[in-house]
């Protein structure tokens, strides 16, 4: 019977932790896009400006999600 070392267990726990870290940006994207749609519905004349700001925000949130995902692959 093989014994499980502490390094193997911490690696598995880290993988789960980094996977859970990607949930935050997913929730952030949902809120960001939902609020942008709400703003466009309230004031259609600023749709272009809101859309541009939304895409910049999406870029930042996606970078956070990708960093969490890549960190999980690098350190496990």
Protein backbone atom coordinates (compact mmCIF):
# COMPACT_ATOMS: atom_id res chain seq x y z
CA UNK A 1 0.00 0.00 0.00
CA UNK A 2 1.41 3.39 -1.00
CA UNK A 3 1.59 6.23 1.46
CA UNK A 4 0.53 9.73 0.46
CA UNK A 5 3.08 12.44 1.12
CA UNK A 6 2.26 15.96 2.22
CA UNK A 7 3.50 17.39 -1.10
CA UNK A 8 0.96 15.33 -3.04
CA UNK A 9 -1.90 16.44 -0.82
CA UNK A 10 -0.94 20.13 -0.89
CA UNK A 11 -0.63 19.98 -4.68
CA UNK A 12 -4.16 18.66 -4.99
CA UNK A 13 -5.52 21.24 -2.56
CA UNK A 14 -3.73 24.01 -4.46
CA UNK A 15 -5.32 22.84 -7.70
CA UNK A 16 -8.76 23.07 -6.16
CA UNK A 17 -7.95 26.49 -4.71
CA UNK A 18 -6.78 27.92 -8.01
CA UNK A 19 -9.82 26.48 -9.74
CA UNK A 20 -12.07 28.21 -7.24
CA UNK A 21 -10.15 31.46 -7.84
CA UNK A 22 -11.47 31.50 -11.40
CA UNK A 23 -15.07 31.67 -10.13
CA UNK A 24 -14.60 35.27 -8.92
CA UNK A 25 -13.90 36.76 -12.34
CA UNK A 26 -16.82 34.78 -13.75
CA UNK A 27 -19.17 36.39 -11.26
CA UNK A 28 -17.55 39.77 -11.97
CA UNK A 29 -18.18 39.39 -15.70
CA UNK A 30 -21.83 38.60 -15.09
CA UNK A 31 -22.28 41.70 -12.95
CA UNK A 32 -20.32 43.91 -15.37
CA UNK A 33 -22.23 42.86 -18.46
CA UNK A 34 -25.59 42.94 -16.66
CA UNK A 35 -25.06 46.47 -15.38
CA UNK A 36 -23.92 47.65 -18.81
CA UNK A 37 -27.07 46.27 -20.41
CA UNK A 38 -29.12 47.93 -17.69
CA UNK A 39 -27.38 51.26 -18.33
CA UNK A 40 -27.94 51.01 -22.09
CA UNK A 41 -31.62 50.24 -21.48
CA UNK A 42 -31.95 53.32 -19.28
CA UNK A 43 -30.01 55.71 -21.54
CA UNK A 44 -29.66 54.41 -25.11
CA UNK A 45 -27.84 57.57 -26.23
CA UNK A 46 -24.70 56.61 -24.27
CA UNK A 47 -24.61 53.03 -25.55
CA UNK A 48 -21.32 53.49 -27.41
CA UNK A 49 -19.50 54.92 -24.42
CA UNK A 50 -20.86 52.24 -22.08
CA UNK A 51 -19.96 49.48 -24.51
CA UNK A 52 -16.38 50.74 -24.83
CA UNK A 53 -15.98 50.95 -21.07
CA UNK A 54 -17.48 47.47 -20.70
CA UNK A 55 -14.97 45.93 -23.11
CA UNK A 56 -12.06 47.54 -21.24
CA UNK A 57 -13.45 46.13 -17.98
CA UNK A 58 -13.92 42.71 -19.54
CA UNK A 59 -10.27 42.73 -20.57
CA UNK A 60 -9.12 43.41 -17.01
CA UNK A 61 -11.43 40.80 -15.49
CA UNK A 62 -10.39 38.16 -18.04
CA UNK A 63 -6.72 38.77 -17.22
CA UNK A 64 -7.46 38.04 -13.56
CA UNK A 65 -9.24 34.82 -14.49
CA UNK A 66 -6.43 33.70 -16.76
CA UNK A 67 -3.82 34.47 -14.11
CA UNK A 68 -5.67 32.28 -11.63
CA UNK A 69 -5.95 29.46 -14.15
CA UNK A 70 -2.32 29.66 -15.31
CA UNK A 71 -1.04 29.85 -11.72
CA UNK A 72 -2.82 26.57 -11.04
CA UNK A 73 -0.96 24.91 -13.91
CA UNK A 74 2.42 26.40 -13.02
CA UNK A 75 2.53 25.54 -9.32
CA UNK A 76 0.95 22.10 -9.33
